[in-house]
Amino acid sequence: MAGLLRRAGAPHRVKGWFSDVLIEREGQLYRPAFYDPIRLGQEIAEEMARGAGFFREANLVVVDRVTRAYMEAAISALIDNGFNLLPE
């Protein structure tokens, strides 16, 4: 994991989301958007209530809890399984 988490503030566990992190991999920068399932459901419901008709979040990663440990585990799993995030 060393070198992958380029910058990270304190995860917003209370808010259930976090996107203030950059991952550096093979010369590219990636910004995942971490959500817990409850917060993601709320975000989707709000978009649908606004009449958007769809929900999209670039580089969406859903984790059980939005903590550094869960985010690092998710990033490791992404690396092991093709790392399909979009670069900045």
Protein backbone atom coordinates (compact mmCIF):
# COMPACT_ATOMS: atom_id res chain seq x y z
CA MET A 1 0.00 0.00 0.00
CA ALA A 2 3.01 2.28 0.41
CA GLY A 3 2.97 5.00 -2.21
CA LEU A 4 -0.57 4.30 -3.34
CA LEU A 5 -2.42 6.60 -0.97
CA ARG A 6 -0.89 9.87 -2.01
CA ARG A 7 -3.07 12.13 0.11
CA ALA A 8 -5.83 11.43 2.54
CA GLY A 9 -7.62 13.43 5.17
CA ALA A 10 -9.70 11.92 7.93
CA PRO A 11 -12.44 9.70 6.47
CA HIS A 12 -15.97 10.95 6.99
CA ARG A 13 -17.34 7.86 8.70
CA VAL A 14 -20.20 9.86 10.19
CA LYS A 15 -21.16 11.12 6.75
CA GLY A 16 -20.66 7.75 5.07
CA TRP A 17 -18.58 8.97 2.14
CA PHE A 18 -15.04 10.07 1.35
CA SER A 19 -13.41 11.26 -1.86
CA ASP A 20 -10.44 13.31 -0.69
CA VAL A 21 -7.78 10.81 -1.66
CA LEU A 22 -5.57 10.38 -4.69
CA ILE A 23 -4.09 7.04 -5.65
CA GLU A 24 -0.93 7.04 -7.73
CA ARG A 25 -0.47 3.94 -9.84
CA GLU A 26 1.82 3.49 -12.83
CA GLY A 27 2.20 7.24 -13.30
CA GLN A 28 -1.54 7.95 -13.26
CA LEU A 29 -3.64 9.60 -10.55
CA TYR A 30 -7.02 8.19 -9.53
CA ARG A 31 -9.68 9.65 -7.22
CA PRO A 32 -12.06 6.99 -5.90
CA ALA A 33 -15.35 7.95 -4.24
CA PHE A 34 -15.92 5.74 -1.21
CA TYR A 35 -19.46 5.28 0.15
CA ASP A 36 -20.98 3.04 2.75
CA PRO A 37 -24.18 1.23 1.63
CA ILE A 38 -26.53 3.41 3.69
CA ARG A 39 -25.16 6.71 2.41
CA LEU A 40 -25.08 5.43 -1.16
CA GLY A 41 -28.75 4.47 -0.89
CA GLN A 42 -29.56 7.96 0.38
CA GLU A 43 -27.65 9.59 -2.48
CA ILE A 44 -29.43 7.46 -5.07
CA ALA A 45 -32.84 8.16 -3.52
CA GLU A 46 -32.15 11.91 -3.53
CA GLU A 47 -31.16 11.86 -7.20
CA MET A 48 -34.28 9.92 -8.12
CA ALA A 49 -36.46 12.31 -6.08
CA ARG A 50 -34.97 15.21 -8.06
CA GLY A 51 -36.19 13.52 -11.22
CA ALA A 52 -32.74 12.75 -12.60
CA GLY A 53 -33.80 9.28 -13.68
CA PHE A 54 -30.31 7.88 -13.11
CA PHE A 55 -27.39 7.91 -10.69
CA ARG A 56 -23.74 8.00 -11.65
CA GLU A 57 -20.61 8.50 -9.57
CA ALA A 58 -17.21 8.20 -11.21
CA ASN A 59 -14.89 5.68 -9.55
CA LEU A 60 -17.54 4.57 -7.07
CA VAL A 61 -16.27 2.14 -4.44
CA VAL A 62 -18.72 0.83 -1.83
CA VAL A 63 -17.20 -0.28 1.47
CA ASP A 64 -18.79 -1.63 4.64
CA ARG A 65 -17.56 1.38 6.61
CA VAL A 66 -15.74 4.48 5.44
CA THR A 67 -12.52 4.10 7.39
CA ARG A 68 -8.92 4.15 6.25
CA ALA A 69 -8.61 0.40 6.87
CA TYR A 70 -11.64 -0.44 4.71
CA MET A 71 -10.52 1.97 1.96
CA GLU A 72 -7.01 0.50 1.89
CA ALA A 73 -8.44 -3.03 1.75
CA ALA A 74 -10.69 -2.01 -1.15
CA ILE A 75 -7.77 -0.44 -3.03
CA SER A 76 -5.70 -3.60 -2.54
CA ALA A 77 -8.58 -5.71 -3.85
CA LEU A 78 -8.96 -3.40 -6.86
CA ILE A 79 -5.28 -3.79 -7.67
CA ASP A 80 -5.57 -7.58 -7.41
CA ASN A 81 -8.63 -7.61 -9.69
CA GLY A 82 -7.81 -5.36 -12.64
CA PHE A 83 -8.00 -1.86 -11.08
CA ASN A 84 -10.82 -0.50 -13.24
CA LEU A 85 -10.86 3.10 -11.97
CA LEU A 86 -10.71 6.03 -14.39
CA PRO A 87 -7.66 8.32 -14.15
CA GLU A 88 -7.99 12.03 -13.39
